[in-house]
Amino acid sequence: MRQWFCASLMGALLCSPLSAVQADAGKPDNNRSVAQISCDQLDQEVGDKGEQWFRRSLLSERCYAFQAVALRLGMGSLRTFLFEHRIDDGQEEERIQFLDGPAETIEHKGHSPGLWWTRGSDNALRLASIDDTVRQLQDHYDFSLIARDVVAGRNAVVMDVTPRDDQRFPHRLWLDIASGLPLRQQLLNGKGQVVDTVQIVRIDSLVRFSDTLYLHEPDDTDTAMPEADWHPDWLPEGFYRQPASLDVTLNGANLERELYSDGLATLSLFAGPARDNTALREGVHQLGNFRAAARHLQHDGQSWQIIAVGAMPANVLTRVVSQVSLPDDSIDDSQPGSGSEETSP
């Protein structure tokens, strides 16, 4: 459910990791790197530290099967959806079915919310454990318990997740005291204003998985993270490349995508030829609770567009797109691409 902020078809395209990272039951394969989730850790008592509750929420998201009716309110829109997390023979599955508006269903098998790819001491990419995730997030966020509340008839602790820099946005979480599951999740902007809320209004069939989950990295990491010919020369500290399909269609244009995350915030970066009827205008645009920064340039005799999308400050997105290297050294910007004025798509 850490992917709640991506719960739309646009969000699924921008934020979802490649489903090649599977959660498999049974004994781990000694020839592959494994992240192991012991659900009996939920029996451990948590104290009054925010990071301890956050860690428990990541465990709970993996170790409970449930159905929930939830709503999402953001940028003047309200949608309700059915969220289902299943554990079948150790294999995790998630399903989001929207209950109003256009008929949309999003399904993930082997989905890994709360787990992400990071770099180890040898600089090699690897699938992070929950403990790795919490440790690295503490380098960039402070976790603090601020209150108690009731959400969907369940007692909850309220926690602020506050960035230590101006390159990411704060979050506020309401965590179920009994299970640790997030019951409400808010994204705030740099002024502390709520820009997106996702909340459970009813939760059913809550069943805890009592065994151990094993998440195997794909056999071929290079296949899981195909390399584009271009790459960003600057990213906010703590953002690492994530598995994602390279070739995508965005707004009718065929582009290449790379996905980056710090374990909580997610940044999608797109690049490819721009056509007049599909190109996103230069500048910063608001796309729901996401922002998008677009830059146009000439590359290899063609007009190209570079787009950065995420629930992140506008100046961060514009800096990212202004510092993307393409394979041809003789690149000329067609017009300035680092303006921060927000426009409509």
C-alpha atoms as a PDB file:
ATOM      1  CA  MET A   1       0.000   0.000   0.000  1.00  0.00           C
ATOM      2  CA  ARG A   2       2.997   2.285   0.013  1.00  0.00           C
ATOM      3  CA  GLN A   3       2.101   2.653  -3.665  1.00  0.00           C
ATOM      4  CA  TRP A   4      -1.245   4.239  -2.779  1.00  0.00           C
ATOM      5  CA  PHE A   5      -0.147   7.578  -4.215  1.00  0.00           C
ATOM      6  CA  CYS A   6       0.224   5.793  -7.558  1.00  0.00           C
ATOM      7  CA  ALA A   7      -3.265   4.284  -7.481  1.00  0.00           C
ATOM      8  CA  SER A   8      -4.449   5.323 -10.949  1.00  0.00           C
ATOM      9  CA  LEU A   9      -3.692   4.216 -14.470  1.00  0.00           C
ATOM     10  CA  MET A  10      -1.386   7.208 -14.862  1.00  0.00           C
ATOM     11  CA  GLY A  11       0.184   6.386 -11.510  1.00  0.00           C
ATOM     12  CA  ALA A  12       0.615   2.736 -12.432  1.00  0.00           C
ATOM     13  CA  LEU A  13       2.561   3.771 -15.516  1.00  0.00           C
ATOM     14  CA  LEU A  14       4.683   6.334 -13.692  1.00  0.00           C
ATOM     15  CA  CYS A  15       5.415   4.569 -10.446  1.00  0.00           C
ATOM     16  CA  SER A  16       4.977   0.802 -10.616  1.00  0.00           C
ATOM     17  CA  PRO A  17       8.079  -1.377 -10.504  1.00  0.00           C
ATOM     18  CA  LEU A  18       8.625  -4.219 -12.919  1.00  0.00           C
ATOM     19  CA  SER A  19       6.721  -7.303 -11.791  1.00  0.00           C
ATOM     20  CA  ALA A  20       9.820  -9.427 -12.346  1.00  0.00           C
ATOM     21  CA  VAL A  21      10.599  -9.089  -8.624  1.00  0.00           C
ATOM     22  CA  GLN A  22       8.539 -11.979  -7.280  1.00  0.00           C
ATOM     23  CA  ALA A  23       7.687 -13.118  -3.771  1.00  0.00           C
ATOM     24  CA  ASP A  24       8.199 -16.886  -3.718  1.00  0.00           C
ATOM     25  CA  ALA A  25       7.353 -19.346  -0.971  1.00  0.00           C
ATOM     26  CA  GLY A  26       9.595 -22.197   0.027  1.00  0.00           C
ATOM     27  CA  LYS A  27      13.314 -22.462   0.546  1.00  0.00           C
ATOM     28  CA  PRO A  28      15.529 -19.693  -0.821  1.00  0.00           C
ATOM     29  CA  ASP A  29      17.694 -20.382  -3.855  1.00  0.00           C
ATOM     30  CA  ASN A  30      21.330 -20.171  -2.743  1.00  0.00           C
ATOM     31  CA  ASN A  31      22.319 -18.958  -6.203  1.00  0.00           C
ATOM     32  CA  ARG A  32      20.160 -15.853  -5.966  1.00  0.00           C
ATOM     33  CA  SER A  33      20.098 -12.908  -3.584  1.00  0.00           C
ATOM     34  CA  VAL A  34      17.083 -13.061  -1.277  1.00  0.00           C
ATOM     35  CA  ALA A  35      15.244 -10.572   0.906  1.00  0.00           C
ATOM     36  CA  GLN A  36      13.562 -12.494   3.712  1.00  0.00           C
ATOM     37  CA  ILE A  37      10.442 -11.315   5.535  1.00  0.00           C
ATOM     38  CA  SER A  38       9.750 -13.042   8.869  1.00  0.00           C
ATOM     39  CA  CYS A  39       6.158 -12.229   9.712  1.00  0.00           C
ATOM     40  CA  ASP A  40       6.620 -13.346  13.335  1.00  0.00           C
ATOM     41  CA  GLN A  41       8.515 -10.064  13.829  1.00  0.00           C
ATOM     42  CA  LEU A  42       5.082  -8.491  14.182  1.00  0.00           C
ATOM     43  CA  ASP A  43       4.957 -10.037  17.656  1.00  0.00           C
ATOM     44  CA  GLN A  44       7.756  -7.716  18.764  1.00  0.00           C
ATOM     45  CA  GLU A  45       6.679  -4.735  20.846  1.00  0.00           C
ATOM     46  CA  VAL A  46       7.198  -1.293  19.369  1.00  0.00           C
ATOM     47  CA  GLY A  47       8.189   1.652  21.481  1.00  0.00           C
ATOM     48  CA  ASP A  48       7.460   5.326  21.074  1.00  0.00           C
ATOM     49  CA  LYS A  49       9.863   5.969  18.183  1.00  0.00           C
ATOM     50  CA  GLY A  50       8.396   6.841  14.800  1.00  0.00           C
ATOM     51  CA  GLU A  51      10.866   4.743  12.818  1.00  0.00           C
ATOM     52  CA  GLN A  52       9.858   1.648  14.818  1.00  0.00           C
ATOM     53  CA  TRP A  53       6.205   2.157  13.868  1.00  0.00           C
ATOM     54  CA  PHE A  54       7.142   2.828  10.263  1.00  0.00           C
ATOM     55  CA  ARG A  55       9.116  -0.426  10.139  1.00  0.00           C
ATOM     56  CA  ARG A  56       6.124  -2.258  11.617  1.00  0.00           C
ATOM     57  CA  SER A  57       3.853  -0.769   8.939  1.00  0.00           C
ATOM     58  CA  LEU A  58       6.139  -2.101   6.184  1.00  0.00           C
ATOM     59  CA  LEU A  59       6.010  -5.571   7.754  1.00  0.00           C
ATOM     60  CA  SER A  60       2.228  -5.395   8.124  1.00  0.00           C
ATOM     61  CA  GLU A  61       1.725  -4.472   4.482  1.00  0.00           C
ATOM     62  CA  ARG A  62       3.473  -7.689   3.522  1.00  0.00           C
ATOM     63  CA  CYS A  63       2.156 -10.041   6.179  1.00  0.00           C
ATOM     64  CA  TYR A  64      -1.588  -9.332   6.215  1.00  0.00           C
ATOM     65  CA  ALA A  65      -4.142 -10.417   3.640  1.00  0.00           C
ATOM     66  CA  PHE A  66      -7.199  -8.150   3.606  1.00  0.00           C
ATOM     67  CA  GLN A  67      -9.805  -6.307   1.593  1.00  0.00           C
ATOM     68  CA  ALA A  68     -10.437  -2.611   2.067  1.00  0.00           C
ATOM     69  CA  VAL A  69     -12.716   0.034   0.641  1.00  0.00           C
ATOM     70  CA  ALA A  70     -10.771   3.275   0.421  1.00  0.00           C
ATOM     71  CA  LEU A  71     -11.084   6.748  -1.000  1.00  0.00           C
ATOM     72  CA  ARG A  72      -8.591   9.077  -2.569  1.00  0.00           C
ATOM     73  CA  LEU A  73      -9.001  12.848  -2.415  1.00  0.00           C
ATOM     74  CA  GLY A  74      -6.593  15.128  -4.200  1.00  0.00           C
ATOM     75  CA  MET A  75      -6.490  18.103  -6.538  1.00  0.00           C
ATOM     76  CA  GLY A  76     -10.260  18.571  -6.507  1.00  0.00           C
ATOM     77  CA  SER A  77     -11.088  14.936  -7.335  1.00  0.00           C
ATOM     78  CA  LEU A  78     -12.558  12.139  -5.226  1.00  0.00           C
ATOM     79  CA  ARG A  79     -12.443   8.451  -6.143  1.00  0.00           C
ATOM     80  CA  THR A  80     -13.305   5.317  -4.231  1.00  0.00           C
ATOM     81  CA  PHE A  81     -11.706   1.949  -4.827  1.00  0.00           C
ATOM     82  CA  LEU A  82     -11.485  -1.590  -3.550  1.00  0.00           C
ATOM     83  CA  PHE A  83      -7.966  -2.582  -2.494  1.00  0.00           C
ATOM     84  CA  GLU A  84      -7.163  -6.266  -2.005  1.00  0.00           C
ATOM     85  CA  HIS A  85      -3.927  -7.826  -0.816  1.00  0.00           C
ATOM     86  CA  ARG A  86      -3.768 -11.623  -1.070  1.00  0.00           C
ATOM     87  CA  ILE A  87      -1.146 -14.172  -0.069  1.00  0.00           C
ATOM     88  CA  ASP A  88      -1.570 -17.425  -1.990  1.00  0.00           C
ATOM     89  CA  ASP A  89       0.960 -20.155  -1.257  1.00  0.00           C
ATOM     90  CA  GLY A  90       3.485 -17.480  -0.292  1.00  0.00           C
ATOM     91  CA  GLN A  91       2.865 -15.479  -3.477  1.00  0.00           C
ATOM     92  CA  GLU A  92       1.650 -11.936  -2.925  1.00  0.00           C
ATOM     93  CA  GLU A  93      -0.962 -10.355  -5.161  1.00  0.00           C
ATOM     94  CA  GLU A  94      -2.541  -6.910  -5.126  1.00  0.00           C
ATOM     95  CA  ARG A  95      -5.643  -5.685  -6.901  1.00  0.00           C
ATOM     96  CA  ILE A  96      -7.088  -2.166  -7.104  1.00  0.00           C
ATOM     97  CA  GLN A  97     -10.589  -1.820  -8.573  1.00  0.00           C
ATOM     98  CA  PHE A  98     -12.035   1.675  -8.914  1.00  0.00           C
ATOM     99  CA  LEU A  99     -15.682   1.842  -7.861  1.00  0.00           C
ATOM    100  CA  ASP A 100     -16.624   5.115  -9.541  1.00  0.00           C
ATOM    101  CA  GLY A 101     -15.593   7.026 -12.642  1.00  0.00           C
ATOM    102  CA  PRO A 102     -14.036   5.187 -15.590  1.00  0.00           C
ATOM    103  CA  ALA A 103     -13.767   1.423 -15.070  1.00  0.00           C
ATOM    104  CA  GLU A 104     -10.164   0.728 -14.101  1.00  0.00           C
ATOM    105  CA  THR A 105      -8.513  -2.271 -12.491  1.00  0.00           C
ATOM    106  CA  ILE A 106      -4.807  -2.534 -11.620  1.00  0.00           C
ATOM    107  CA  GLU A 107      -3.274  -5.855 -10.608  1.00  0.00           C
ATOM    108  CA  HIS A 108       0.217  -6.758  -9.404  1.00  0.00           C
ATOM    109  CA  LYS A 109       1.609 -10.210  -8.762  1.00  0.00           C
ATOM    110  CA  GLY A 110       4.693 -10.503  -6.627  1.00  0.00           C
ATOM    111  CA  HIS A 111       4.270  -6.832  -5.764  1.00  0.00           C
ATOM    112  CA  SER A 112       6.788  -5.486  -3.253  1.00  0.00           C
ATOM    113  CA  PRO A 113       5.519  -2.330  -1.534  1.00  0.00           C
ATOM    114  CA  GLY A 114       8.024  -0.969   0.939  1.00  0.00           C
ATOM    115  CA  LEU A 115      10.909  -2.871  -0.661  1.00  0.00           C
ATOM    116  CA  TRP A 116      13.158  -1.254  -3.198  1.00  0.00           C
ATOM    117  CA  TRP A 117      16.564  -1.518  -4.847  1.00  0.00           C
ATOM    118  CA  THR A 118      19.573   0.184  -3.343  1.00  0.00           C
ATOM    119  CA  ARG A 119      23.346   0.007  -3.626  1.00  0.00           C
ATOM    120  CA  GLY A 120      25.426  -2.057  -1.217  1.00  0.00           C
ATOM    121  CA  SER A 121      28.920  -1.343   0.092  1.00  0.00           C
ATOM    122  CA  ASP A 122      30.301  -2.873  -3.126  1.00  0.00           C
ATOM    123  CA  ASN A 123      28.234  -0.347  -5.153  1.00  0.00           C
ATOM    124  CA  ALA A 124      26.187  -3.195  -6.647  1.00  0.00           C
ATOM    125  CA  LEU A 125      22.410  -2.859  -6.898  1.00  0.00           C
ATOM    126  CA  ARG A 126      20.451  -5.229  -4.681  1.00  0.00           C
ATOM    127  CA  LEU A 127      16.951  -5.687  -3.316  1.00  0.00           C
ATOM    128  CA  ALA A 128      16.794  -3.907   0.041  1.00  0.00           C
ATOM    129  CA  SER A 129      15.365  -5.513   3.152  1.00  0.00           C
ATOM    130  CA  ILE A 130      12.846  -3.691   5.325  1.00  0.00           C
ATOM    131  CA  ASP A 131      15.628  -2.874   7.801  1.00  0.00           C
ATOM    132  CA  ASP A 132      17.778  -1.509   4.942  1.00  0.00           C
ATOM    133  CA  THR A 133      14.842   0.621   3.821  1.00  0.00           C
ATOM    134  CA  VAL A 134      14.247   2.138   7.247  1.00  0.00           C
ATOM    135  CA  ARG A 135      17.961   2.794   7.837  1.00  0.00           C
ATOM    136  CA  GLN A 136      18.405   4.582   4.526  1.00  0.00           C
ATOM    137  CA  LEU A 137      15.184   6.563   4.833  1.00  0.00           C
ATOM    138  CA  GLN A 138      16.431   7.859   8.200  1.00  0.00           C
ATOM    139  CA  ASP A 139      19.271   9.554   6.301  1.00  0.00           C
ATOM    140  CA  HIS A 140      16.692  11.745   4.538  1.00  0.00           C
ATOM    141  CA  TYR A 141      13.564  11.805   6.733  1.00  0.00           C
ATOM    142  CA  ASP A 142      12.669  12.219  10.399  1.00  0.00           C
ATOM    143  CA  PHE A 143       9.908   9.976  11.808  1.00  0.00           C
ATOM    144  CA  SER A 144       7.919  11.330  14.757  1.00  0.00           C
ATOM    145  CA  LEU A 145       4.707  10.266  16.510  1.00  0.00           C
ATOM    146  CA  ILE A 146       2.475  13.303  17.016  1.00  0.00           C
ATOM    147  CA  ALA A 147      -0.976  12.081  18.156  1.00  0.00           C
ATOM    148  CA  ARG A 148      -3.541   9.298  18.448  1.00  0.00           C
ATOM    149  CA  ASP A 149      -6.743   9.163  16.431  1.00  0.00           C
ATOM    150  CA  VAL A 150      -9.533   6.881  15.196  1.00  0.00           C
ATOM    151  CA  VAL A 151      -9.815   5.992  11.487  1.00  0.00           C
ATOM    152  CA  ALA A 152     -12.442   3.615  10.058  1.00  0.00           C
ATOM    153  CA  GLY A 153     -13.409   2.727  13.619  1.00  0.00           C
ATOM    154  CA  ARG A 154      -9.862   1.581  14.479  1.00  0.00           C
ATOM    155  CA  ASN A 155      -7.431   3.164  16.932  1.00  0.00           C
ATOM    156  CA  ALA A 156      -4.384   4.645  15.214  1.00  0.00           C
ATOM    157  CA  VAL A 157      -1.145   6.461  15.910  1.00  0.00           C
ATOM    158  CA  VAL A 158      -0.412   9.530  13.791  1.00  0.00           C
ATOM    159  CA  MET A 159       3.119   9.906  12.445  1.00  0.00           C
ATOM    160  CA  ASP A 160       4.859  12.688  10.531  1.00  0.00           C
ATOM    161  CA  VAL A 161       7.554  11.759   8.017  1.00  0.00           C
ATOM    162  CA  THR A 162       9.498  14.978   7.513  1.00  0.00           C
ATOM    163  CA  PRO A 163      12.268  15.384   4.922  1.00  0.00           C
ATOM    164  CA  ARG A 164      15.618  16.681   6.101  1.00  0.00           C
ATOM    165  CA  ASP A 165      16.092  18.726   2.923  1.00  0.00           C
ATOM    166  CA  ASP A 166      13.955  20.668   0.439  1.00  0.00           C
ATOM    167  CA  GLN A 167      14.206  18.036  -2.300  1.00  0.00           C
ATOM    168  CA  ARG A 168      11.208  15.883  -1.256  1.00  0.00           C
ATOM    169  CA  PHE A 169       7.780  16.301   0.315  1.00  0.00           C
ATOM    170  CA  PRO A 170       6.510  15.418   3.824  1.00  0.00           C
ATOM    171  CA  HIS A 171       4.006  12.630   4.552  1.00  0.00           C
ATOM    172  CA  ARG A 172       1.581  12.052   7.413  1.00  0.00           C
ATOM    173  CA  LEU A 173       0.495   8.500   8.279  1.00  0.00           C
ATOM    174  CA  TRP A 174      -2.251   7.052  10.470  1.00  0.00           C
ATOM    175  CA  LEU A 175      -1.173   3.515  11.470  1.00  0.00           C
ATOM    176  CA  ASP A 176      -3.543   0.928  12.921  1.00  0.00           C
ATOM    177  CA  ILE A 177      -2.396   0.155  16.468  1.00  0.00           C
ATOM    178  CA  ALA A 178      -3.656  -3.445  16.327  1.00  0.00           C
ATOM    179  CA  SER A 179      -2.120  -4.467  12.988  1.00  0.00           C
ATOM    180  CA  GLY A 180       0.290  -1.695  11.974  1.00  0.00           C
ATOM    181  CA  LEU A 181      -1.432  -1.200   8.603  1.00  0.00           C
ATOM    182  CA  PRO A 182      -1.695   2.350   7.213  1.00  0.00           C
ATOM    183  CA  LEU A 183      -5.298   3.530   7.544  1.00  0.00           C
ATOM    184  CA  ARG A 184      -4.793   7.041   6.173  1.00  0.00           C
ATOM    185  CA  GLN A 185      -1.909   8.492   4.224  1.00  0.00           C
ATOM    186  CA  GLN A 186      -1.411  12.148   3.290  1.00  0.00           C
ATOM    187  CA  LEU A 187       1.076  13.815   0.998  1.00  0.00           C
ATOM    188  CA  LEU A 188       1.920  17.403   1.938  1.00  0.00           C
ATOM    189  CA  ASN A 189       3.642  20.103  -0.085  1.00  0.00           C
ATOM    190  CA  GLY A 190       6.568  22.226   1.030  1.00  0.00           C
ATOM    191  CA  LYS A 191       4.168  24.588   2.853  1.00  0.00           C
ATOM    192  CA  GLY A 192       2.652  21.750   4.866  1.00  0.00           C
ATOM    193  CA  GLN A 193      -0.617  21.814   2.892  1.00  0.00           C
ATOM    194  CA  VAL A 194      -2.323  18.493   2.147  1.00  0.00           C
ATOM    195  CA  VAL A 195      -2.301  17.784  -1.596  1.00  0.00           C
ATOM    196  CA  ASP A 196      -3.365  14.132  -1.589  1.00  0.00           C
ATOM    197  CA  THR A 197      -5.171  11.869   0.886  1.00  0.00           C
ATOM    198  CA  VAL A 198      -5.851   8.144   0.698  1.00  0.00           C
ATOM    199  CA  GLN A 199      -7.949   6.646   3.486  1.00  0.00           C
ATOM    200  CA  ILE A 200      -9.460   3.289   4.315  1.00  0.00           C
ATOM    201  CA  VAL A 201     -13.137   3.595   5.195  1.00  0.00           C
ATOM    202  CA  ARG A 202     -13.736  -0.124   5.759  1.00  0.00           C
ATOM    203  CA  ILE A 203     -11.389  -3.074   6.168  1.00  0.00           C
ATOM    204  CA  ASP A 204     -12.496  -6.723   6.006  1.00  0.00           C
ATOM    205  CA  SER A 205     -11.065 -10.243   6.077  1.00  0.00           C
ATOM    206  CA  LEU A 206      -7.913  -9.194   7.899  1.00  0.00           C
ATOM    207  CA  VAL A 207      -5.778 -12.350   8.177  1.00  0.00           C
ATOM    208  CA  ARG A 208      -2.143 -12.445   9.224  1.00  0.00           C
ATOM    209  CA  PHE A 209       0.315 -14.664   7.346  1.00  0.00           C
ATOM    210  CA  SER A 210       2.363 -16.570   9.920  1.00  0.00           C
ATOM    211  CA  ASP A 211       5.166 -17.915   7.726  1.00  0.00           C
ATOM    212  CA  THR A 212       8.279 -16.386   6.141  1.00  0.00           C
ATOM    213  CA  LEU A 213       8.199 -14.641   2.765  1.00  0.00           C
ATOM    214  CA  TYR A 214      11.191 -14.770   0.438  1.00  0.00           C
ATOM    215  CA  LEU A 215      11.710 -12.175  -2.277  1.00  0.00           C
ATOM    216  CA  HIS A 216      14.196 -13.315  -4.912  1.00  0.00           C
ATOM    217  CA  GLU A 217      16.011 -10.902  -7.126  1.00  0.00           C
ATOM    218  CA  PRO A 218      15.602 -11.678 -10.843  1.00  0.00           C
ATOM    219  CA  ASP A 219      18.189 -14.088 -12.274  1.00  0.00           C
ATOM    220  CA  ASP A 220      19.557 -11.338 -14.488  1.00  0.00           C
ATOM    221  CA  THR A 221      19.660  -7.904 -12.877  1.00  0.00           C
ATOM    222  CA  ASP A 222      20.647  -6.326 -16.213  1.00  0.00           C
ATOM    223  CA  THR A 223      17.426  -7.665 -17.725  1.00  0.00           C
ATOM    224  CA  ALA A 224      15.409  -6.311 -14.807  1.00  0.00           C
ATOM    225  CA  MET A 225      16.997  -2.877 -15.287  1.00  0.00           C
ATOM    226  CA  PRO A 226      17.619  -2.389 -19.020  1.00  0.00           C
ATOM    227  CA  GLU A 227      19.952   0.525 -19.694  1.00  0.00           C
ATOM    228  CA  ALA A 228      18.882   3.496 -21.805  1.00  0.00           C
ATOM    229  CA  ASP A 229      21.394   5.392 -23.960  1.00  0.00           C
ATOM    230  CA  TRP A 230      20.738   8.481 -21.858  1.00  0.00           C
ATOM    231  CA  HIS A 231      21.032   9.062 -18.130  1.00  0.00           C
ATOM    232  CA  PRO A 232      20.542  11.827 -15.541  1.00  0.00           C
ATOM    233  CA  ASP A 233      23.695  13.594 -14.391  1.00  0.00           C
ATOM    234  CA  TRP A 234      21.992  14.760 -11.186  1.00  0.00           C
ATOM    235  CA  LEU A 235      19.438  13.220  -8.830  1.00  0.00           C
ATOM    236  CA  PRO A 236      18.514  14.085  -5.234  1.00  0.00           C
ATOM    237  CA  GLU A 237      20.746  12.255  -2.783  1.00  0.00           C
ATOM    238  CA  GLY A 238      19.482   8.790  -1.869  1.00  0.00           C
ATOM    239  CA  PHE A 239      17.602   8.100  -5.126  1.00  0.00           C
ATOM    240  CA  TYR A 240      18.491   4.793  -6.774  1.00  0.00           C
ATOM    241  CA  ARG A 241      17.497   3.157 -10.031  1.00  0.00           C
ATOM    242  CA  GLN A 242      14.532   0.747  -9.766  1.00  0.00           C
ATOM    243  CA  PRO A 243      13.381  -2.121 -12.011  1.00  0.00           C
ATOM    244  CA  ALA A 244      10.942  -0.857 -14.642  1.00  0.00           C
ATOM    245  CA  SER A 245      10.001  -1.570 -18.224  1.00  0.00           C
ATOM    246  CA  LEU A 246      12.153   0.612 -20.474  1.00  0.00           C
ATOM    247  CA  ASP A 247       9.768   1.196 -23.399  1.00  0.00           C
ATOM    248  CA  VAL A 248       6.477   2.935 -22.545  1.00  0.00           C
ATOM    249  CA  THR A 249       3.804   5.066 -24.182  1.00  0.00           C
ATOM    250  CA  LEU A 250       3.079   8.395 -22.493  1.00  0.00           C
ATOM    251  CA  ASN A 251       0.467  10.801 -23.851  1.00  0.00           C
ATOM    252  CA  GLY A 252       0.549   8.941 -27.184  1.00  0.00           C
ATOM    253  CA  ALA A 253       4.332   9.160 -27.574  1.00  0.00           C
ATOM    254  CA  ASN A 254       6.723   6.188 -27.567  1.00  0.00           C
ATOM    255  CA  LEU A 255       9.387   6.978 -24.981  1.00  0.00           C
ATOM    256  CA  GLU A 256      12.001   5.295 -22.833  1.00  0.00           C
ATOM    257  CA  ARG A 257      11.630   5.419 -19.053  1.00  0.00           C
ATOM    258  CA  GLU A 258      13.896   5.056 -16.075  1.00  0.00           C
ATOM    259  CA  LEU A 259      12.498   4.839 -12.541  1.00  0.00           C
ATOM    260  CA  TYR A 260      14.208   6.133  -9.390  1.00  0.00           C
ATOM    261  CA  SER A 261      13.250   6.060  -5.706  1.00  0.00           C
ATOM    262  CA  ASP A 262      14.603   6.884  -2.260  1.00  0.00           C
ATOM    263  CA  GLY A 263      12.406   4.180  -0.735  1.00  0.00           C
ATOM    264  CA  LEU A 264       9.427   6.529  -0.253  1.00  0.00           C
ATOM    265  CA  ALA A 265       9.384   9.175  -3.002  1.00  0.00           C
ATOM    266  CA  THR A 266       9.437   8.060  -6.643  1.00  0.00           C
ATOM    267  CA  LEU A 267      10.704   9.831  -9.766  1.00  0.00           C
ATOM    268  CA  SER A 268       9.969   8.711 -13.334  1.00  0.00           C
ATOM    269  CA  LEU A 269      12.200  10.039 -16.103  1.00  0.00           C
ATOM    270  CA  PHE A 270      11.165   9.806 -19.773  1.00  0.00           C
ATOM    271  CA  ALA A 271      13.091  10.628 -22.966  1.00  0.00           C
ATOM    272  CA  GLY A 272      12.395  10.218 -26.652  1.00  0.00           C
ATOM    273  CA  PRO A 273      11.415  11.955 -29.919  1.00  0.00           C
ATOM    274  CA  ALA A 274       8.810  14.706 -29.565  1.00  0.00           C
ATOM    275  CA  ARG A 275       5.955  15.122 -32.016  1.00  0.00           C
ATOM    276  CA  ASP A 276       3.852  18.250 -32.193  1.00  0.00           C
ATOM    277  CA  ASN A 277       0.608  16.470 -31.326  1.00  0.00           C
ATOM    278  CA  THR A 278       1.974  14.470 -28.379  1.00  0.00           C
ATOM    279  CA  ALA A 279       4.810  16.517 -26.865  1.00  0.00           C
ATOM    280  CA  LEU A 280       4.341  18.007 -23.420  1.00  0.00           C
ATOM    281  CA  ARG A 281       4.975  21.741 -23.472  1.00  0.00           C
ATOM    282  CA  GLU A 282       8.172  22.923 -21.837  1.00  0.00           C
ATOM    283  CA  GLY A 283       7.928  24.031 -18.233  1.00  0.00           C
ATOM    284  CA  VAL A 284       6.271  22.550 -15.151  1.00  0.00           C
ATOM    285  CA  HIS A 285       2.794  21.015 -15.261  1.00  0.00           C
ATOM    286  CA  GLN A 286       0.457  19.735 -12.568  1.00  0.00           C
ATOM    287  CA  LEU A 287      -0.781  16.184 -13.284  1.00  0.00           C
ATOM    288  CA  GLY A 288      -3.080  15.327 -10.389  1.00  0.00           C
ATOM    289  CA  ASN A 289      -0.883  15.037  -7.316  1.00  0.00           C
ATOM    290  CA  PHE A 290       2.168  14.698  -9.572  1.00  0.00           C
ATOM    291  CA  ARG A 291       4.233  17.431 -11.137  1.00  0.00           C
ATOM    292  CA  ALA A 292       5.908  17.049 -14.513  1.00  0.00           C
ATOM    293  CA  ALA A 293       8.848  19.102 -15.813  1.00  0.00           C
ATOM    294  CA  ALA A 294       9.462  18.995 -19.580  1.00  0.00           C
ATOM    295  CA  ARG A 295      12.507  20.044 -21.593  1.00  0.00           C
ATOM    296  CA  HIS A 296      12.832  20.085 -25.405  1.00  0.00           C
ATOM    297  CA  LEU A 297      16.097  19.757 -27.315  1.00  0.00           C
ATOM    298  CA  GLN A 298      17.549  18.745 -30.668  1.00  0.00           C
ATOM    299  CA  HIS A 299      19.207  15.332 -30.754  1.00  0.00           C
ATOM    300  CA  ASP A 300      20.422  13.301 -33.711  1.00  0.00           C
ATOM    301  CA  GLY A 301      18.526  15.528 -36.147  1.00  0.00           C
ATOM    302  CA  GLN A 302      15.238  15.179 -34.245  1.00  0.00           C
ATOM    303  CA  SER A 303      13.276  17.120 -31.666  1.00  0.00           C
ATOM    304  CA  TRP A 304      13.389  15.263 -28.337  1.00  0.00           C
ATOM    305  CA  GLN A 305      11.527  15.719 -25.088  1.00  0.00           C
ATOM    306  CA  ILE A 306      12.781  14.879 -21.602  1.00  0.00           C
ATOM    307  CA  ILE A 307      10.140  14.648 -18.885  1.00  0.00           C
ATOM    308  CA  ALA A 308      10.531  14.129 -15.140  1.00  0.00           C
ATOM    309  CA  VAL A 309       7.377  13.182 -13.198  1.00  0.00           C
ATOM    310  CA  GLY A 310       6.886  12.772  -9.468  1.00  0.00           C
ATOM    311  CA  ALA A 311       5.214  14.080  -6.329  1.00  0.00           C
ATOM    312  CA  MET A 312       8.243  16.298  -5.758  1.00  0.00           C
ATOM    313  CA  PRO A 313       9.149  20.021  -5.682  1.00  0.00           C
ATOM    314  CA  ALA A 314       9.101  21.698  -9.081  1.00  0.00           C
ATOM    315  CA  ASN A 315      12.694  22.959  -8.820  1.00  0.00           C
ATOM    316  CA  VAL A 316      13.929  19.391  -8.251  1.00  0.00           C
ATOM    317  CA  LEU A 317      12.175  18.112 -11.386  1.00  0.00           C
ATOM    318  CA  THR A 318      13.451  20.996 -13.534  1.00  0.00           C
ATOM    319  CA  ARG A 319      17.006  20.457 -12.307  1.00  0.00           C
ATOM    320  CA  VAL A 320      16.787  16.752 -13.165  1.00  0.00           C
ATOM    321  CA  VAL A 321      15.602  17.351 -16.766  1.00  0.00           C
ATOM    322  CA  SER A 322      18.150  20.134 -17.285  1.00  0.00           C
ATOM    323  CA  GLN A 323      20.980  17.705 -16.479  1.00  0.00           C
ATOM    324  CA  VAL A 324      20.244  14.660 -18.631  1.00  0.00           C
ATOM    325  CA  SER A 325      23.019  13.442 -20.937  1.00  0.00           C
ATOM    326  CA  LEU A 326      22.154  11.968 -24.327  1.00  0.00           C
ATOM    327  CA  PRO A 327      24.713   9.908 -26.310  1.00  0.00           C
ATOM    328  CA  ASP A 328      25.317  12.666 -28.886  1.00  0.00           C
ATOM    329  CA  ASP A 329      27.636  15.326 -27.472  1.00  0.00           C
ATOM    330  CA  SER A 330      26.470  17.910 -30.005  1.00  0.00           C
ATOM    331  CA  ILE A 331      23.118  18.652 -28.346  1.00  0.00           C
ATOM    332  CA  ASP A 332      21.537  22.081 -28.601  1.00  0.00           C
ATOM    333  CA  ASP A 333      18.483  23.022 -26.578  1.00  0.00           C
ATOM    334  CA  SER A 334      15.742  24.240 -28.867  1.00  0.00           C
ATOM    335  CA  GLN A 335      14.617  26.642 -26.135  1.00  0.00           C
ATOM    336  CA  PRO A 336      15.234  27.029 -22.386  1.00  0.00           C
ATOM    337  CA  GLY A 337      13.994  24.012 -20.478  1.00  0.00           C
ATOM    338  CA  SER A 338      14.579  24.906 -16.864  1.00  0.00           C
ATOM    339  CA  GLY A 339      11.760  27.357 -16.232  1.00  0.00           C
ATOM    340  CA  SER A 340       9.693  26.651 -13.125  1.00  0.00           C
ATOM    341  CA  GLU A 341       6.411  28.372 -14.078  1.00  0.00           C
ATOM    342  CA  GLU A 342       3.547  25.923 -13.650  1.00  0.00           C
ATOM    343  CA  THR A 343       1.150  25.461 -16.559  1.00  0.00           C
ATOM    344  CA  SER A 344      -1.622  23.066 -17.358  1.00  0.00           C
ATOM    345  CA  PRO A 345      -0.771  19.937 -19.441  1.00  0.00           C
END
